[in-house]
C-alpha atoms as a PDB file:
ATOM      1  CA  MET A   1     129.891 155.268 342.020  1.00  0.00           C
ATOM      2  CA  LYS A   2     131.604 156.494 345.148  1.00  0.00           C
ATOM      3  CA  THR A   3     132.603 159.494 345.774  1.00  0.00           C
ATOM      4  CA  ILE A   4     136.018 159.665 347.172  1.00  0.00           C
ATOM      5  CA  VAL A   5     138.172 161.904 348.448  1.00  0.00           C
ATOM      6  CA  ILE A   6     142.435 161.219 348.655  1.00  0.00           C
ATOM      7  CA  THR A   7     145.193 163.083 350.262  1.00  0.00           C
ATOM      8  CA  GLY A   8     148.847 162.278 349.602  1.00  0.00           C
ATOM      9  CA  GLY A   9     146.842 160.499 346.354  1.00  0.00           C
ATOM     10  CA  THR A  10     149.653 161.210 343.976  1.00  0.00           C
ATOM     11  CA  ASP A  11     151.707 158.083 345.414  1.00  0.00           C
ATOM     12  CA  GLY A  12     152.048 155.399 347.179  1.00  0.00           C
ATOM     13  CA  ILE A  13     149.319 153.989 348.696  1.00  0.00           C
ATOM     14  CA  GLY A  14     147.011 156.650 348.147  1.00  0.00           C
ATOM     15  CA  ALA A  15     147.982 156.837 344.292  1.00  0.00           C
ATOM     16  CA  ALA A  16     148.052 152.746 344.356  1.00  0.00           C
ATOM     17  CA  PHE A  17     144.013 152.487 345.833  1.00  0.00           C
ATOM     18  CA  ALA A  18     143.610 155.649 343.724  1.00  0.00           C
ATOM     19  CA  ARG A  19     144.074 153.370 340.477  1.00  0.00           C
ATOM     20  CA  HIS A  20     141.675 151.042 341.645  1.00  0.00           C
ATOM     21  CA  ARG A  21     138.547 153.305 342.943  1.00  0.00           C
ATOM     22  CA  LEU A  22     139.008 154.956 339.092  1.00  0.00           C
ATOM     23  CA  ALA A  23     138.712 151.444 337.372  1.00  0.00           C
ATOM     24  CA  LEU A  24     135.552 150.436 339.575  1.00  0.00           C
ATOM     25  CA  GLY A  25     134.453 153.569 337.938  1.00  0.00           C
ATOM     26  CA  ASP A  26     134.016 156.264 340.960  1.00  0.00           C
ATOM     27  CA  GLN A  27     134.552 159.540 341.302  1.00  0.00           C
ATOM     28  CA  VAL A  28     138.321 160.363 342.645  1.00  0.00           C
ATOM     29  CA  ALA A  29     139.613 163.558 344.167  1.00  0.00           C
ATOM     30  CA  VAL A  30     143.678 163.271 344.756  1.00  0.00           C
ATOM     31  CA  VAL A  31     145.426 165.697 346.673  1.00  0.00           C
ATOM     32  CA  GLY A  32     149.402 166.171 346.376  1.00  0.00           C
ATOM     33  CA  ARG A  33     151.689 168.807 345.830  1.00  0.00           C
ATOM     34  CA  ASP A  34     153.716 166.944 342.617  1.00  0.00           C
ATOM     35  CA  LYS A  35     152.002 167.831 339.790  1.00  0.00           C
ATOM     36  CA  ASP A  36     153.464 165.527 337.038  1.00  0.00           C
ATOM     37  CA  LYS A  37     151.922 162.909 339.014  1.00  0.00           C
ATOM     38  CA  GLY A  38     148.827 164.455 339.177  1.00  0.00           C
ATOM     39  CA  GLY A  39     148.730 165.075 335.863  1.00  0.00           C
ATOM     40  CA  ALA A  40     148.661 160.879 334.886  1.00  0.00           C
ATOM     41  CA  LEU A  41     146.185 161.021 337.583  1.00  0.00           C
ATOM     42  CA  ALA A  42     144.010 162.977 336.036  1.00  0.00           C
ATOM     43  CA  GLY A  43     144.658 161.748 332.571  1.00  0.00           C
ATOM     44  CA  LEU A  44     142.695 158.946 334.470  1.00  0.00           C
ATOM     45  CA  GLY A  45     140.093 160.356 334.897  1.00  0.00           C
ATOM     46  CA  ALA A  46     140.996 161.895 339.079  1.00  0.00           C
ATOM     47  CA  HIS A  47     140.040 165.619 340.214  1.00  0.00           C
ATOM     48  CA  PHE A  48     143.738 166.505 340.874  1.00  0.00           C
ATOM     49  CA  VAL A  49     143.701 169.324 343.329  1.00  0.00           C
ATOM     50  CA  PRO A  50     147.557 170.363 343.775  1.00  0.00           C
ATOM     51  CA  ALA A  51     148.201 171.358 347.193  1.00  0.00           C
ATOM     52  CA  ASP A  52     150.489 171.366 349.897  1.00  0.00           C
ATOM     53  CA  LEU A  53     148.549 170.581 353.509  1.00  0.00           C
ATOM     54  CA  SER A  54     151.177 171.597 355.712  1.00  0.00           C
ATOM     55  CA  LEU A  55     149.457 175.419 355.490  1.00  0.00           C
ATOM     56  CA  VAL A  56     146.745 175.658 357.377  1.00  0.00           C
ATOM     57  CA  ALA A  57     145.347 177.914 354.636  1.00  0.00           C
ATOM     58  CA  GLU A  58     145.580 174.983 351.351  1.00  0.00           C
ATOM     59  CA  ASN A  59     143.583 173.272 353.396  1.00  0.00           C
ATOM     60  CA  GLY A  60     140.536 175.844 354.011  1.00  0.00           C
ATOM     61  CA  ARG A  61     141.228 175.814 350.130  1.00  0.00           C
ATOM     62  CA  VAL A  62     140.609 172.666 349.143  1.00  0.00           C
ATOM     63  CA  ALA A  63     137.437 171.664 351.018  1.00  0.00           C
ATOM     64  CA  VAL A  64     136.010 174.756 349.452  1.00  0.00           C
ATOM     65  CA  GLU A  65     137.196 173.322 346.111  1.00  0.00           C
ATOM     66  CA  LEU A  66     135.906 170.032 346.617  1.00  0.00           C
ATOM     67  CA  ALA A  67     132.159 171.007 348.701  1.00  0.00           C
ATOM     68  CA  ALA A  68     131.852 173.159 345.037  1.00  0.00           C
ATOM     69  CA  ARG A  69     132.408 170.445 342.961  1.00  0.00           C
ATOM     70  CA  TYR A  70     130.651 167.259 344.805  1.00  0.00           C
ATOM     71  CA  ASP A  71     127.144 167.276 346.198  1.00  0.00           C
ATOM     72  CA  TRP A  72     128.059 164.439 348.391  1.00  0.00           C
ATOM     73  CA  ILE A  73     131.288 162.494 349.653  1.00  0.00           C
ATOM     74  CA  ASP A  74     131.431 159.460 350.389  1.00  0.00           C
ATOM     75  CA  ALA A  75     135.240 158.607 351.801  1.00  0.00           C
ATOM     76  CA  LEU A  76     137.730 160.568 352.683  1.00  0.00           C
ATOM     77  CA  VAL A  77     141.629 158.670 352.779  1.00  0.00           C
ATOM     78  CA  MET A  78     143.970 160.588 354.573  1.00  0.00           C
ATOM     79  CA  GLY A  79     147.519 159.293 353.927  1.00  0.00           C
ATOM     80  CA  ALA A  80     149.645 162.471 353.046  1.00  0.00           C
ATOM     81  CA  ARG A  81     152.757 161.342 354.360  1.00  0.00           C
ATOM     82  CA  TYR A  82     156.501 163.491 354.249  1.00  0.00           C
ATOM     83  CA  PHE A  83     159.270 161.999 356.538  1.00  0.00           C
ATOM     84  CA  ARG A  84     162.031 164.873 357.391  1.00  0.00           C
ATOM     85  CA  THR A  85     165.640 164.479 359.243  1.00  0.00           C
ATOM     86  CA  HIS A  86     165.933 167.788 359.810  1.00  0.00           C
ATOM     87  CA  ARG A  87     162.889 170.480 361.905  1.00  0.00           C
ATOM     88  CA  HIS A  88     161.435 172.664 359.427  1.00  0.00           C
ATOM     89  CA  GLU A  89     158.619 174.852 360.336  1.00  0.00           C
ATOM     90  CA  THR A  90     155.971 176.191 358.072  1.00  0.00           C
ATOM     91  CA  PRO A  91     155.227 179.866 357.634  1.00  0.00           C
ATOM     92  CA  ASP A  92     152.010 178.936 359.317  1.00  0.00           C
ATOM     93  CA  GLY A  93     155.172 178.869 361.956  1.00  0.00           C
ATOM     94  CA  PHE A  94     154.283 174.520 362.782  1.00  0.00           C
ATOM     95  CA  GLU A  95     156.399 171.664 363.048  1.00  0.00           C
ATOM     96  CA  ALA A  96     156.422 170.527 359.669  1.00  0.00           C
ATOM     97  CA  CYS A  97     154.931 166.719 360.470  1.00  0.00           C
ATOM     98  CA  PHE A  98     152.835 167.806 362.541  1.00  0.00           C
ATOM     99  CA  ALA A  99     151.307 170.606 360.429  1.00  0.00           C
ATOM    100  CA  LEU A 100     150.726 168.029 357.139  1.00  0.00           C
ATOM    101  CA  GLU A 101     150.286 164.502 358.509  1.00  0.00           C
ATOM    102  CA  TYR A 102     147.868 166.303 361.690  1.00  0.00           C
ATOM    103  CA  LEU A 103     146.726 169.105 361.403  1.00  0.00           C
ATOM    104  CA  SER A 104     145.780 168.715 357.902  1.00  0.00           C
ATOM    105  CA  ARG A 105     143.733 166.145 358.668  1.00  0.00           C
ATOM    106  CA  PHE A 106     142.075 167.584 361.411  1.00  0.00           C
ATOM    107  CA  VAL A 107     141.307 170.643 359.972  1.00  0.00           C
ATOM    108  CA  LEU A 108     139.518 168.310 356.135  1.00  0.00           C
ATOM    109  CA  GLY A 109     137.550 165.546 358.283  1.00  0.00           C
ATOM    110  CA  ARG A 110     135.629 168.521 359.376  1.00  0.00           C
ATOM    111  CA  SER A 111     135.571 171.094 356.704  1.00  0.00           C
ATOM    112  CA  LEU A 112     134.056 168.404 353.972  1.00  0.00           C
ATOM    113  CA  LEU A 113     131.685 166.759 356.986  1.00  0.00           C
ATOM    114  CA  ASP A 114     128.772 168.670 355.868  1.00  0.00           C
ATOM    115  CA  ARG A 115     129.516 166.629 352.194  1.00  0.00           C
ATOM    116  CA  LEU A 116     130.342 162.983 354.215  1.00  0.00           C
ATOM    117  CA  GLU A 117     127.052 163.209 355.986  1.00  0.00           C
ATOM    118  CA  ARG A 118     124.802 163.600 353.005  1.00  0.00           C
ATOM    119  CA  ALA A 119     126.446 160.602 351.422  1.00  0.00           C
ATOM    120  CA  ALA A 120     124.769 157.039 352.428  1.00  0.00           C
ATOM    121  CA  ALA A 121     127.740 154.989 353.688  1.00  0.00           C
ATOM    122  CA  PRO A 122     130.177 157.963 354.630  1.00  0.00           C
ATOM    123  CA  VAL A 123     133.740 157.426 356.095  1.00  0.00           C
ATOM    124  CA  VAL A 124     136.844 158.620 356.800  1.00  0.00           C
ATOM    125  CA  VAL A 125     139.987 156.753 357.026  1.00  0.00           C
ATOM    126  CA  ASN A 126     143.036 158.210 358.336  1.00  0.00           C
ATOM    127  CA  ILE A 127     145.846 155.707 357.307  1.00  0.00           C
ATOM    128  CA  SER A 128     148.236 156.297 360.669  1.00  0.00           C
ATOM    129  CA  GLY A 129     149.206 154.213 362.819  1.00  0.00           C
ATOM    130  CA  PRO A 130     146.535 152.788 365.664  1.00  0.00           C
ATOM    131  CA  GLY A 131     147.257 149.756 368.303  1.00  0.00           C
ATOM    132  CA  LEU A 132     151.124 150.661 368.750  1.00  0.00           C
ATOM    133  CA  ALA A 133     151.774 151.752 371.876  1.00  0.00           C
ATOM    134  CA  LYS A 134     153.733 155.506 371.384  1.00  0.00           C
ATOM    135  CA  PRO A 135     155.810 157.922 373.715  1.00  0.00           C
ATOM    136  CA  GLU A 136     152.500 160.157 374.546  1.00  0.00           C
ATOM    137  CA  ILE A 137     152.392 164.725 373.439  1.00  0.00           C
ATOM    138  CA  HIS A 138     155.251 166.959 374.048  1.00  0.00           C
ATOM    139  CA  TRP A 139     152.224 168.929 375.746  1.00  0.00           C
ATOM    140  CA  ASP A 140     154.548 172.467 376.130  1.00  0.00           C
ATOM    141  CA  ASP A 141     155.995 172.262 373.401  1.00  0.00           C
ATOM    142  CA  PRO A 142     154.055 170.606 370.148  1.00  0.00           C
ATOM    143  CA  GLY A 143     156.959 171.487 368.028  1.00  0.00           C
ATOM    144  CA  LEU A 144     159.413 169.757 368.876  1.00  0.00           C
ATOM    145  CA  ARG A 145     161.846 173.439 369.148  1.00  0.00           C
ATOM    146  CA  ARG A 146     163.331 171.155 371.716  1.00  0.00           C
ATOM    147  CA  GLY A 147     165.197 168.110 371.348  1.00  0.00           C
ATOM    148  CA  TYR A 148     163.272 167.529 367.889  1.00  0.00           C
ATOM    149  CA  SER A 149     164.215 163.960 365.951  1.00  0.00           C
ATOM    150  CA  GLY A 150     162.644 162.673 362.676  1.00  0.00           C
ATOM    151  CA  PRO A 151     161.260 159.403 364.520  1.00  0.00           C
ATOM    152  CA  ALA A 152     160.067 161.876 366.971  1.00  0.00           C
ATOM    153  CA  ALA A 153     158.040 164.054 365.125  1.00  0.00           C
ATOM    154  CA  GLN A 154     156.510 160.984 363.087  1.00  0.00           C
ATOM    155  CA  MET A 155     155.440 158.631 366.369  1.00  0.00           C
ATOM    156  CA  GLN A 156     153.829 162.590 367.887  1.00  0.00           C
ATOM    157  CA  ALA A 157     151.927 162.695 364.537  1.00  0.00           C
ATOM    158  CA  GLY A 158     150.842 159.448 364.650  1.00  0.00           C
ATOM    159  CA  ARG A 159     150.315 159.818 368.776  1.00  0.00           C
ATOM    160  CA  ALA A 160     148.030 162.890 367.707  1.00  0.00           C
ATOM    161  CA  ASN A 161     145.590 161.298 364.899  1.00  0.00           C
ATOM    162  CA  ASP A 162     145.487 158.156 367.777  1.00  0.00           C
ATOM    163  CA  LEU A 163     143.654 161.043 369.659  1.00  0.00           C
ATOM    164  CA  LEU A 164     142.237 162.275 366.561  1.00  0.00           C
ATOM    165  CA  GLY A 165     139.801 159.846 365.775  1.00  0.00           C
ATOM    166  CA  LEU A 166     138.316 159.213 369.179  1.00  0.00           C
ATOM    167  CA  ALA A 167     138.177 162.944 369.321  1.00  0.00           C
ATOM    168  CA  PHE A 168     135.660 163.105 366.055  1.00  0.00           C
ATOM    169  CA  ALA A 169     134.115 160.685 367.587  1.00  0.00           C
ATOM    170  CA  ALA A 170     133.033 162.222 370.857  1.00  0.00           C
ATOM    171  CA  GLU A 171     132.188 165.573 369.422  1.00  0.00           C
ATOM    172  CA  HIS A 172     130.204 164.393 366.719  1.00  0.00           C
ATOM    173  CA  PRO A 173     128.441 161.440 368.555  1.00  0.00           C
ATOM    174  CA  HIS A 174     125.561 161.668 366.323  1.00  0.00           C
ATOM    175  CA  VAL A 175     126.330 161.651 363.018  1.00  0.00           C
ATOM    176  CA  ARG A 176     126.184 158.839 360.014  1.00  0.00           C
ATOM    177  CA  THR A 177     130.017 159.437 359.665  1.00  0.00           C
ATOM    178  CA  ARG A 178     132.608 155.970 360.827  1.00  0.00           C
ATOM    179  CA  TYR A 179     135.710 157.705 361.447  1.00  0.00           C
ATOM    180  CA  VAL A 180     138.835 154.499 360.661  1.00  0.00           C
ATOM    181  CA  LEU A 181     142.076 154.469 361.906  1.00  0.00           C
ATOM    182  CA  LEU A 182     144.024 152.072 359.399  1.00  0.00           C
ATOM    183  CA  ASN A 183     147.706 151.068 360.585  1.00  0.00           C
ATOM    184  CA  PRO A 184     149.134 150.092 356.876  1.00  0.00           C
ATOM    185  CA  GLY A 185     151.948 147.673 359.148  1.00  0.00           C
ATOM    186  CA  PRO A 186     154.857 147.699 356.809  1.00  0.00           C
ATOM    187  CA  VAL A 187     154.460 148.911 353.508  1.00  0.00           C
ATOM    188  CA  ALA A 188     156.178 150.070 350.178  1.00  0.00           C
ATOM    189  CA  THR A 189     155.925 153.299 350.147  1.00  0.00           C
ATOM    190  CA  SER A 190     157.228 156.040 348.478  1.00  0.00           C
ATOM    191  CA  PHE A 191     158.791 156.800 351.698  1.00  0.00           C
ATOM    192  CA  ALA A 192     158.452 160.683 350.544  1.00  0.00           C
ATOM    193  CA  GLY A 193     160.965 162.788 352.497  1.00  0.00           C
ATOM    194  CA  GLU A 194     164.569 164.039 353.550  1.00  0.00           C
ATOM    195  CA  TYR A 195     166.495 161.593 354.430  1.00  0.00           C
ATOM    196  CA  ASP A 196     170.202 161.762 355.938  1.00  0.00           C
ATOM    197  CA  PRO A 197     172.444 159.600 355.072  1.00  0.00           C
ATOM    198  CA  PRO A 198     171.694 156.657 357.622  1.00  0.00           C
ATOM    199  CA  THR A 199     167.978 157.495 357.676  1.00  0.00           C
ATOM    200  CA  ALA A 200     168.139 156.915 353.828  1.00  0.00           C
ATOM    201  CA  ALA A 201     169.822 154.046 354.461  1.00  0.00           C
ATOM    202  CA  PHE A 202     167.757 151.821 356.461  1.00  0.00           C
ATOM    203  CA  VAL A 203     164.817 153.445 354.245  1.00  0.00           C
ATOM    204  CA  GLU A 204     166.401 151.962 351.159  1.00  0.00           C
ATOM    205  CA  GLN A 205     165.924 148.300 353.241  1.00  0.00           C
ATOM    206  CA  MET A 206     163.255 148.997 354.384  1.00  0.00           C
ATOM    207  CA  LYS A 207     161.439 149.961 350.900  1.00  0.00           C
ATOM    208  CA  ARG A 208     163.524 146.039 349.873  1.00  0.00           C
ATOM    209  CA  THR A 209     161.277 144.496 352.565  1.00  0.00           C
ATOM    210  CA  ALA A 210     157.788 145.899 353.470  1.00  0.00           C
ATOM    211  CA  ARG A 211     154.700 144.817 351.502  1.00  0.00           C
ATOM    212  CA  PRO A 212     154.066 146.059 347.836  1.00  0.00           C
ATOM    213  CA  VAL A 213     151.325 148.777 348.047  1.00  0.00           C
ATOM    214  CA  ALA A 214     148.528 146.817 346.062  1.00  0.00           C
ATOM    215  CA  GLU A 215     148.074 144.443 349.075  1.00  0.00           C
ATOM    216  CA  LEU A 216     146.356 146.830 351.696  1.00  0.00           C
ATOM    217  CA  VAL A 217     144.352 148.156 348.231  1.00  0.00           C
ATOM    218  CA  PRO A 218     141.552 145.159 349.184  1.00  0.00           C
ATOM    219  CA  PRO A 219     141.513 146.138 353.333  1.00  0.00           C
ATOM    220  CA  LEU A 220     140.940 149.646 352.148  1.00  0.00           C
ATOM    221  CA  SER A 221     139.135 149.769 349.550  1.00  0.00           C
ATOM    222  CA  ALA A 222     136.305 146.738 351.665  1.00  0.00           C
ATOM    223  CA  LEU A 223     136.506 149.695 354.522  1.00  0.00           C
ATOM    224  CA  ILE A 224     134.574 151.584 351.483  1.00  0.00           C
ATOM    225  CA  ASN A 225     132.166 149.656 350.447  1.00  0.00           C
ATOM    226  CA  GLU A 226     131.260 148.546 353.987  1.00  0.00           C
ATOM    227  CA  PRO A 227     131.776 150.963 356.474  1.00  0.00           C
ATOM    228  CA  PRO A 228     132.497 149.604 360.075  1.00  0.00           C
ATOM    229  CA  THR A 229     129.285 150.743 361.897  1.00  0.00           C
ATOM    230  CA  ALA A 230     131.051 151.423 365.842  1.00  0.00           C
ATOM    231  CA  PRO A 231     131.632 155.585 365.227  1.00  0.00           C
ATOM    232  CA  LEU A 232     135.042 155.027 365.532  1.00  0.00           C
ATOM    233  CA  SER A 233     137.108 151.461 364.770  1.00  0.00           C
ATOM    234  CA  ALA A 234     140.575 150.853 363.733  1.00  0.00           C
ATOM    235  CA  PHE A 235     142.855 148.481 362.137  1.00  0.00           C
ATOM    236  CA  ALA A 236     145.875 147.162 362.082  1.00  0.00           C
ATOM    237  CA  ILE A 237     145.558 146.488 357.783  1.00  0.00           C
ATOM    238  CA  ASP A 238     142.484 143.856 358.212  1.00  0.00           C
ATOM    239  CA  ARG A 239     142.808 142.649 361.949  1.00  0.00           C
ATOM    240  CA  PRO A 240     140.561 145.205 364.151  1.00  0.00           C
ATOM    241  CA  VAL A 241     142.492 147.001 366.839  1.00  0.00           C
ATOM    242  CA  ASP A 242     141.819 148.705 369.902  1.00  0.00           C
ATOM    243  CA  PRO A 243     141.587 152.134 369.449  1.00  0.00           C
ATOM    244  CA  HIS A 244     141.950 153.073 372.525  1.00  0.00           C
ATOM    245  CA  THR A 245     145.915 152.543 373.960  1.00  0.00           C
ATOM    246  CA  THR A 246     145.977 153.844 377.353  1.00  0.00           C
ATOM    247  CA  PRO A 247     143.720 154.532 379.987  1.00  0.00           C
ATOM    248  CA  GLY A 248     143.723 158.237 379.924  1.00  0.00           C
ATOM    249  CA  ASP A 249     142.937 158.308 376.121  1.00  0.00           C
ATOM    250  CA  ALA A 250     139.817 160.342 376.642  1.00  0.00           C
ATOM    251  CA  ALA A 251     141.149 162.883 378.762  1.00  0.00           C
ATOM    252  CA  ALA A 252     144.429 163.090 376.412  1.00  0.00           C
ATOM    253  CA  ALA A 253     141.918 163.113 373.361  1.00  0.00           C
ATOM    254  CA  GLU A 254     139.674 166.066 374.650  1.00  0.00           C
ATOM    255  CA  ARG A 255     142.973 167.928 375.745  1.00  0.00           C
ATOM    256  CA  LEU A 256     144.884 167.694 372.149  1.00  0.00           C
ATOM    257  CA  HIS A 257     141.413 168.914 371.294  1.00  0.00           C
ATOM    258  CA  ARG A 258     141.218 172.461 372.658  1.00  0.00           C
ATOM    259  CA  LEU A 259     144.904 172.742 372.660  1.00  0.00           C
ATOM    260  CA  THR A 260     144.906 172.542 368.060  1.00  0.00           C
ATOM    261  CA  LEU A 261     141.189 174.941 368.070  1.00  0.00           C
ATOM    262  CA  ASP A 262     143.621 177.006 370.401  1.00  0.00           C
ATOM    263  CA  LEU A 263     147.044 176.432 367.813  1.00  0.00           C
ATOM    264  CA  LEU A 264     144.917 177.540 364.622  1.00  0.00           C
ATOM    265  CA  ALA A 265     143.999 180.062 366.195  1.00  0.00           C
ATOM    266  CA  THR A 266     146.732 181.875 367.078  1.00  0.00           C
ATOM    267  CA  GLY A 267     148.674 179.555 364.124  1.00  0.00           C
ATOM    268  CA  ARG A 268     151.737 178.606 366.402  1.00  0.00           C
END
């Protein structure tokens, strides 16, 4: 029996994976905002942690609760996502997509490392978009106060998570916890978000043509059952891809790591 924590676990890929692992007899904690869907998973045996992970303090609270509940965590699967056509700033002062899809994963991965290291074969799976070229981080404007768009925010969060995997492996060279970046490809998730009409129409088209969520469950489950041997790996579904996309990735990962620590310290 494994202990698995899933963020964004009340819908889409996270919920499908939670149901699968519960059926196998694992301990599963799902973190999300939808109390009705979380309650439904709790009825199947999951531990539901209601939380808005776009708030830094909520990530800290969730980590404390999980550490108090579990002596070890075998897998941390991070997939929380929410698209916004219009820019939204959290009470902490962060652009909401950057906060939810990147800062949350930065904080939880570090905060739960102690519990992960107690497991026999621990792994962090960051569901993002490795293997794809993306624009560089907006170093002078990570909050996208100038020129915001929903796709730009998503691309920046994706690039940040690519660099997060590199930074995690560099910061923790001697841990047993493996870090995996997983690109799920076009999957018919819930596509949670706030969309303008043209984007909403495009999303509906995507839902009709994307692969069923259930098709991602087996490769994701395989990563949990037998984590890769390398400290950092990246996959497009079940196909290995290079976690590096540019020659300057190592320097950019270190730069983003420092920037993130500064942002978390200052709240901006």
